[in-house]
Structure formats: C-alpha cells, structure tokens
C-alpha cells in the first residue's frame, strides 16, 4: 500500500518552509486565514499536515507571502517543483 502524499517527506519540507515564512513575516494564522478566506483552524491543520493544502490555496499563500520578492524562498519553491532552470 502506498503512503498518502500528505505524509511524503517533500510535502513536509514545503509546508515547513511556508510555516517558517509566515512566522518570519510576523503573520498570525488568523491573518493568513482571513487573507485566504478560510478558518484559522484550516491554516493550523495544513501547517501541521492534518489537512492538505490545495494548489489554489498554495498560489494565494505564495502571493500573500510575496515569494517573488524573497529569492531564497522562491528558489526553494522552484527547486521543489523542479523549475530551477526558469528565470525569476
């Protein structure tokens, strides 16, 4: 039986990066939830990997975290998706 992707090492790494970025920016889970039109509980659950972050939520999250302005995080996300050869 294969392991669900929510429990994959790569998923845990990207979620940890995003959680660290939220904290670095000084944003609370409530502020993120409000910006993404979800509950604080949903933010907590995807940060603790109890709930999967869907692709549209991910897009909104990286927009909120201004990833395009953060070269380190942008590079990590590109690496995660295998997009290192794309221009910033």
Foldseek 3Di string as FASTA:
>chain_A
DDDDPLPDPLLLVLLCLLVVLCVVVVHQLCNLCVQLVHHSVVSVCVSVSVDPQDPVSVVSSCVVSVVVVVVVSVCVVCVSVVNNVDDD
